[in-house]
Amino acid sequence: MRNYETRANLRTKTLIRKFVDSHLIRRFESGMLKQKIAEDLKAAMKAGDAAKRDTLRMLDSMVKNVEIEKKKREEGLSDAEVQEVAARAVKLRNDAIVQYENGGRPELAEKEKREVEILSTYLPEQMDESETRAQVKEIISSLGATSKSEMGKVMGAAMGKLKGQADGNLVKKIVEEELK
């Protein structure tokens, strides 16, 4: 009887250890970009760089909000998900830049541009227009699209392939030009 209890306890302890180890590994692997943001925030605070500090605090807050939304507060977001949050923040800033410039507020537009520069360091390298155009032409030829009525099909395929690598507005502009 005692031998059975020992084996059961040993099996339970082994399962618990494996679960804890896998959880810690996932936690460590998923937070590399988030950890870099925290380190950069700390460095900005020490350096007295208010603009960078405020921007990184905002990004950290956005990441935490998404973790809560996705119920991933314990394990944290993956680096790809953190990059999506940063991309969303950059898109918001770019929209604000356009609005401020149209409204005659260049000082606020400059502030937003500085924030975009800071946030862009956490995004993957973006493709330039010529590379994007080549990819879009390849997608159009593979789909056999010839008219503007097929723009939705092309955009879906293009954004699926170029997600995170190219700006959606640039892709849309190129697709419109190519399907004239």
C-alpha atoms as a PDB file:
ATOM      1  CA  MET A   1       0.000   0.000   0.000  1.00  0.00           C
ATOM      2  CA  ARG A   2       2.737   2.420   0.911  1.00  0.00           C
ATOM      3  CA  ASN A   3       4.603   1.831  -2.335  1.00  0.00           C
ATOM      4  CA  TYR A   4       1.454   2.729  -4.317  1.00  0.00           C
ATOM      5  CA  GLU A   5       0.993   5.986  -2.393  1.00  0.00           C
ATOM      6  CA  THR A   6       4.598   6.931  -3.012  1.00  0.00           C
ATOM      7  CA  ARG A   7       4.325   6.311  -6.745  1.00  0.00           C
ATOM      8  CA  ALA A   8       1.099   8.351  -6.923  1.00  0.00           C
ATOM      9  CA  ASN A   9       2.689  11.217  -5.019  1.00  0.00           C
ATOM     10  CA  LEU A  10       5.761  11.060  -7.217  1.00  0.00           C
ATOM     11  CA  ARG A  11       3.617  11.103 -10.367  1.00  0.00           C
ATOM     12  CA  THR A  12       1.608  14.084  -9.067  1.00  0.00           C
ATOM     13  CA  LYS A  13       4.761  15.992  -8.137  1.00  0.00           C
ATOM     14  CA  THR A  14       6.257  15.283 -11.568  1.00  0.00           C
ATOM     15  CA  LEU A  15       3.126  16.540 -13.344  1.00  0.00           C
ATOM     16  CA  ILE A  16       3.061  19.679 -11.208  1.00  0.00           C
ATOM     17  CA  ARG A  17       6.755  20.326 -11.878  1.00  0.00           C
ATOM     18  CA  LYS A  18       6.268  19.892 -15.640  1.00  0.00           C
ATOM     19  CA  PHE A  19       3.302  22.282 -15.605  1.00  0.00           C
ATOM     20  CA  VAL A  20       5.182  24.925 -13.620  1.00  0.00           C
ATOM     21  CA  ASP A  21       8.291  24.596 -15.799  1.00  0.00           C
ATOM     22  CA  SER A  22       6.307  24.864 -19.039  1.00  0.00           C
ATOM     23  CA  HIS A  23       4.379  27.839 -17.653  1.00  0.00           C
ATOM     24  CA  LEU A  24       7.605  29.624 -16.681  1.00  0.00           C
ATOM     25  CA  ILE A  25       9.162  28.902 -20.064  1.00  0.00           C
ATOM     26  CA  ARG A  26       6.099  30.254 -21.895  1.00  0.00           C
ATOM     27  CA  ARG A  27       6.107  33.315 -19.650  1.00  0.00           C
ATOM     28  CA  PHE A  28       9.785  33.955 -20.355  1.00  0.00           C
ATOM     29  CA  GLU A  29       9.557  33.393 -24.114  1.00  0.00           C
ATOM     30  CA  SER A  30       6.447  35.500 -24.573  1.00  0.00           C
ATOM     31  CA  GLY A  31       7.756  38.588 -22.837  1.00  0.00           C
ATOM     32  CA  MET A  32      10.974  39.445 -24.643  1.00  0.00           C
ATOM     33  CA  LEU A  33       9.579  42.488 -26.465  1.00  0.00           C
ATOM     34  CA  LYS A  34       7.525  43.515 -23.459  1.00  0.00           C
ATOM     35  CA  GLN A  35      10.661  43.227 -21.331  1.00  0.00           C
ATOM     36  CA  LYS A  36      12.577  45.422 -23.807  1.00  0.00           C
ATOM     37  CA  ILE A  37       9.827  48.053 -23.567  1.00  0.00           C
ATOM     38  CA  ALA A  38      10.095  47.992 -19.758  1.00  0.00           C
ATOM     39  CA  GLU A  39      13.897  48.324 -19.922  1.00  0.00           C
ATOM     40  CA  ASP A  40      13.651  51.210 -22.406  1.00  0.00           C
ATOM     41  CA  LEU A  41      11.061  52.883 -20.169  1.00  0.00           C
ATOM     42  CA  LYS A  42      13.416  52.598 -17.221  1.00  0.00           C
ATOM     43  CA  ALA A  43      16.295  54.033 -19.279  1.00  0.00           C
ATOM     44  CA  ALA A  44      14.114  56.935 -20.480  1.00  0.00           C
ATOM     45  CA  MET A  45      13.135  57.705 -16.904  1.00  0.00           C
ATOM     46  CA  LYS A  46      16.789  57.743 -15.828  1.00  0.00           C
ATOM     47  CA  ALA A  47      17.764  59.911 -18.803  1.00  0.00           C
ATOM     48  CA  GLY A  48      14.916  62.354 -18.185  1.00  0.00           C
ATOM     49  CA  ASP A  49      13.479  61.883 -21.691  1.00  0.00           C
ATOM     50  CA  ALA A  50       9.867  62.838 -20.997  1.00  0.00           C
ATOM     51  CA  ALA A  51       8.567  62.216 -24.526  1.00  0.00           C
ATOM     52  CA  LYS A  52       9.994  58.697 -24.706  1.00  0.00           C
ATOM     53  CA  ARG A  53       8.914  57.950 -21.139  1.00  0.00           C
ATOM     54  CA  ASP A  54       5.329  59.024 -21.779  1.00  0.00           C
ATOM     55  CA  THR A  55       5.135  57.168 -25.093  1.00  0.00           C
ATOM     56  CA  LEU A  56       6.458  53.938 -23.589  1.00  0.00           C
ATOM     57  CA  ARG A  57       4.117  54.225 -20.622  1.00  0.00           C
ATOM     58  CA  MET A  58       1.229  54.569 -23.059  1.00  0.00           C
ATOM     59  CA  LEU A  59       2.428  51.529 -25.027  1.00  0.00           C
ATOM     60  CA  ASP A  60       2.850  49.483 -21.842  1.00  0.00           C
ATOM     61  CA  SER A  61      -0.662  50.480 -20.789  1.00  0.00           C
ATOM     62  CA  MET A  62      -2.067  49.452 -24.186  1.00  0.00           C
ATOM     63  CA  VAL A  63      -0.300  46.082 -23.926  1.00  0.00           C
ATOM     64  CA  LYS A  64      -1.727  45.495 -20.447  1.00  0.00           C
ATOM     65  CA  ASN A  65      -5.221  46.411 -21.636  1.00  0.00           C
ATOM     66  CA  VAL A  66      -4.975  43.900 -24.499  1.00  0.00           C
ATOM     67  CA  GLU A  67      -3.713  41.248 -22.066  1.00  0.00           C
ATOM     68  CA  ILE A  68      -6.797  41.834 -19.935  1.00  0.00           C
ATOM     69  CA  GLU A  69      -9.102  41.779 -22.991  1.00  0.00           C
ATOM     70  CA  LYS A  70      -7.626  38.503 -24.220  1.00  0.00           C
ATOM     71  CA  LYS A  71      -7.501  37.068 -20.694  1.00  0.00           C
ATOM     72  CA  LYS A  72      -3.752  36.553 -21.001  1.00  0.00           C
ATOM     73  CA  ARG A  73      -2.692  38.544 -17.953  1.00  0.00           C
ATOM     74  CA  GLU A  74      -0.890  35.557 -16.412  1.00  0.00           C
ATOM     75  CA  GLU A  75       1.069  34.300 -19.409  1.00  0.00           C
ATOM     76  CA  GLY A  76       1.392  37.645 -21.216  1.00  0.00           C
ATOM     77  CA  LEU A  77       1.197  38.458 -24.906  1.00  0.00           C
ATOM     78  CA  SER A  78       3.525  36.971 -27.492  1.00  0.00           C
ATOM     79  CA  ASP A  79       5.973  39.272 -29.239  1.00  0.00           C
ATOM     80  CA  ALA A  80       3.786  39.206 -32.369  1.00  0.00           C
ATOM     81  CA  GLU A  81       0.783  40.376 -30.342  1.00  0.00           C
ATOM     82  CA  VAL A  82       2.843  43.155 -28.740  1.00  0.00           C
ATOM     83  CA  GLN A  83       3.924  44.209 -32.231  1.00  0.00           C
ATOM     84  CA  GLU A  84       0.264  44.334 -33.280  1.00  0.00           C
ATOM     85  CA  VAL A  85      -0.450  46.647 -30.337  1.00  0.00           C
ATOM     86  CA  ALA A  86       2.506  48.855 -31.308  1.00  0.00           C
ATOM     87  CA  ALA A  87       1.329  48.905 -34.942  1.00  0.00           C
ATOM     88  CA  ARG A  88      -2.136  49.973 -33.796  1.00  0.00           C
ATOM     89  CA  ALA A  89      -0.559  52.789 -31.758  1.00  0.00           C
ATOM     90  CA  VAL A  90       1.494  53.917 -34.775  1.00  0.00           C
ATOM     91  CA  LYS A  91      -1.625  53.911 -36.962  1.00  0.00           C
ATOM     92  CA  LEU A  92      -3.447  56.074 -34.418  1.00  0.00           C
ATOM     93  CA  ARG A  93      -0.506  58.496 -34.349  1.00  0.00           C
ATOM     94  CA  ASN A  94      -0.347  58.693 -38.151  1.00  0.00           C
ATOM     95  CA  ASP A  95      -4.058  59.479 -38.309  1.00  0.00           C
ATOM     96  CA  ALA A  96      -3.582  62.161 -35.648  1.00  0.00           C
ATOM     97  CA  ILE A  97      -0.667  63.669 -37.601  1.00  0.00           C
ATOM     98  CA  VAL A  98      -2.897  64.109 -40.652  1.00  0.00           C
ATOM     99  CA  GLN A  99      -5.651  65.662 -38.529  1.00  0.00           C
ATOM    100  CA  TYR A 100      -3.267  68.068 -36.778  1.00  0.00           C
ATOM    101  CA  GLU A 101      -1.678  69.157 -40.055  1.00  0.00           C
ATOM    102  CA  ASN A 102      -5.104  69.740 -41.615  1.00  0.00           C
ATOM    103  CA  GLY A 103      -6.159  71.675 -38.510  1.00  0.00           C
ATOM    104  CA  GLY A 104      -3.112  73.954 -38.599  1.00  0.00           C
ATOM    105  CA  ARG A 105      -1.413  72.532 -35.474  1.00  0.00           C
ATOM    106  CA  PRO A 106       2.133  71.663 -36.640  1.00  0.00           C
ATOM    107  CA  GLU A 107       3.535  71.571 -33.080  1.00  0.00           C
ATOM    108  CA  LEU A 108       1.144  68.755 -32.137  1.00  0.00           C
ATOM    109  CA  ALA A 109       1.884  66.973 -35.410  1.00  0.00           C
ATOM    110  CA  GLU A 110       5.611  67.088 -34.559  1.00  0.00           C
ATOM    111  CA  LYS A 111       4.911  65.575 -31.133  1.00  0.00           C
ATOM    112  CA  GLU A 112       2.983  62.730 -32.770  1.00  0.00           C
ATOM    113  CA  LYS A 113       5.802  62.193 -35.306  1.00  0.00           C
ATOM    114  CA  ARG A 114       8.283  61.859 -32.432  1.00  0.00           C
ATOM    115  CA  GLU A 115       6.013  59.251 -30.834  1.00  0.00           C
ATOM    116  CA  VAL A 116       5.803  57.351 -34.142  1.00  0.00           C
ATOM    117  CA  GLU A 117       9.624  57.258 -34.277  1.00  0.00           C
ATOM    118  CA  ILE A 118       9.774  55.842 -30.761  1.00  0.00           C
ATOM    119  CA  LEU A 119       7.050  53.250 -31.393  1.00  0.00           C
ATOM    120  CA  SER A 120       8.546  52.184 -34.739  1.00  0.00           C
ATOM    121  CA  THR A 121      11.559  50.697 -32.971  1.00  0.00           C
ATOM    122  CA  TYR A 122       9.274  47.922 -31.667  1.00  0.00           C
ATOM    123  CA  LEU A 123       7.898  47.023 -35.091  1.00  0.00           C
ATOM    124  CA  PRO A 124       9.440  44.755 -37.727  1.00  0.00           C
ATOM    125  CA  GLU A 125      11.170  46.452 -40.639  1.00  0.00           C
ATOM    126  CA  GLN A 126       8.603  47.824 -43.097  1.00  0.00           C
ATOM    127  CA  MET A 127       8.875  47.141 -46.818  1.00  0.00           C
ATOM    128  CA  ASP A 128       9.454  50.163 -49.035  1.00  0.00           C
ATOM    129  CA  GLU A 129       7.087  51.078 -51.859  1.00  0.00           C
ATOM    130  CA  SER A 130       8.993  49.275 -54.631  1.00  0.00           C
ATOM    131  CA  GLU A 131       9.137  45.988 -52.682  1.00  0.00           C
ATOM    132  CA  THR A 132       5.460  46.318 -51.787  1.00  0.00           C
ATOM    133  CA  ARG A 133       4.557  47.043 -55.411  1.00  0.00           C
ATOM    134  CA  ALA A 134       6.453  43.929 -56.570  1.00  0.00           C
ATOM    135  CA  GLN A 135       4.624  41.754 -54.012  1.00  0.00           C
ATOM    136  CA  VAL A 136       1.232  43.227 -54.948  1.00  0.00           C
ATOM    137  CA  LYS A 137       1.897  42.656 -58.682  1.00  0.00           C
ATOM    138  CA  GLU A 138       2.791  39.049 -57.909  1.00  0.00           C
ATOM    139  CA  ILE A 139      -0.436  38.596 -55.920  1.00  0.00           C
ATOM    140  CA  ILE A 140      -2.529  40.186 -58.682  1.00  0.00           C
ATOM    141  CA  SER A 141      -1.001  37.933 -61.329  1.00  0.00           C
ATOM    142  CA  SER A 142      -1.449  34.806 -59.180  1.00  0.00           C
ATOM    143  CA  LEU A 143      -5.128  35.653 -58.618  1.00  0.00           C
ATOM    144  CA  GLY A 144      -5.658  36.689 -62.238  1.00  0.00           C
ATOM    145  CA  ALA A 145      -7.339  39.933 -61.175  1.00  0.00           C
ATOM    146  CA  THR A 146      -7.885  42.492 -63.918  1.00  0.00           C
ATOM    147  CA  SER A 147     -10.568  44.936 -62.769  1.00  0.00           C
ATOM    148  CA  LYS A 148     -11.370  47.113 -59.776  1.00  0.00           C
ATOM    149  CA  SER A 149     -14.297  44.850 -58.934  1.00  0.00           C
ATOM    150  CA  GLU A 150     -11.742  42.266 -57.766  1.00  0.00           C
ATOM    151  CA  MET A 151     -10.013  44.712 -55.437  1.00  0.00           C
ATOM    152  CA  GLY A 152     -11.452  43.114 -52.282  1.00  0.00           C
ATOM    153  CA  LYS A 153     -10.092  39.710 -53.233  1.00  0.00           C
ATOM    154  CA  VAL A 154      -6.646  41.182 -53.980  1.00  0.00           C
ATOM    155  CA  MET A 155      -6.584  43.266 -50.783  1.00  0.00           C
ATOM    156  CA  GLY A 156      -7.501  40.244 -48.670  1.00  0.00           C
ATOM    157  CA  ALA A 157      -4.703  38.169 -50.161  1.00  0.00           C
ATOM    158  CA  ALA A 158      -2.221  41.053 -50.052  1.00  0.00           C
ATOM    159  CA  MET A 159      -2.877  41.970 -46.420  1.00  0.00           C
ATOM    160  CA  GLY A 160      -2.745  38.316 -45.447  1.00  0.00           C
ATOM    161  CA  LYS A 161       0.686  37.991 -47.018  1.00  0.00           C
ATOM    162  CA  LEU A 162       2.087  41.426 -46.108  1.00  0.00           C
ATOM    163  CA  LYS A 163       0.614  41.831 -42.606  1.00  0.00           C
ATOM    164  CA  GLY A 164       3.088  43.652 -40.411  1.00  0.00           C
ATOM    165  CA  GLN A 165       5.508  44.152 -43.293  1.00  0.00           C
ATOM    166  CA  ALA A 166       3.748  46.889 -45.244  1.00  0.00           C
ATOM    167  CA  ASP A 167       1.368  49.728 -44.439  1.00  0.00           C
ATOM    168  CA  GLY A 168      -2.237  48.923 -45.351  1.00  0.00           C
ATOM    169  CA  ASN A 169      -2.830  52.358 -46.881  1.00  0.00           C
ATOM    170  CA  LEU A 170       0.199  51.924 -49.137  1.00  0.00           C
ATOM    171  CA  VAL A 171      -0.993  48.471 -50.211  1.00  0.00           C
ATOM    172  CA  LYS A 172      -4.469  49.867 -50.971  1.00  0.00           C
ATOM    173  CA  LYS A 173      -3.002  52.692 -53.052  1.00  0.00           C
ATOM    174  CA  ILE A 174      -0.810  50.299 -55.043  1.00  0.00           C
ATOM    175  CA  VAL A 175      -3.690  47.843 -55.623  1.00  0.00           C
ATOM    176  CA  GLU A 176      -5.885  50.699 -56.897  1.00  0.00           C
ATOM    177  CA  GLU A 177      -3.121  51.852 -59.275  1.00  0.00           C
ATOM    178  CA  GLU A 178      -2.458  48.353 -60.584  1.00  0.00           C
ATOM    179  CA  LEU A 179      -6.115  47.491 -61.167  1.00  0.00           C
ATOM    180  CA  LYS A 180      -7.013  50.553 -63.241  1.00  0.00           C
END
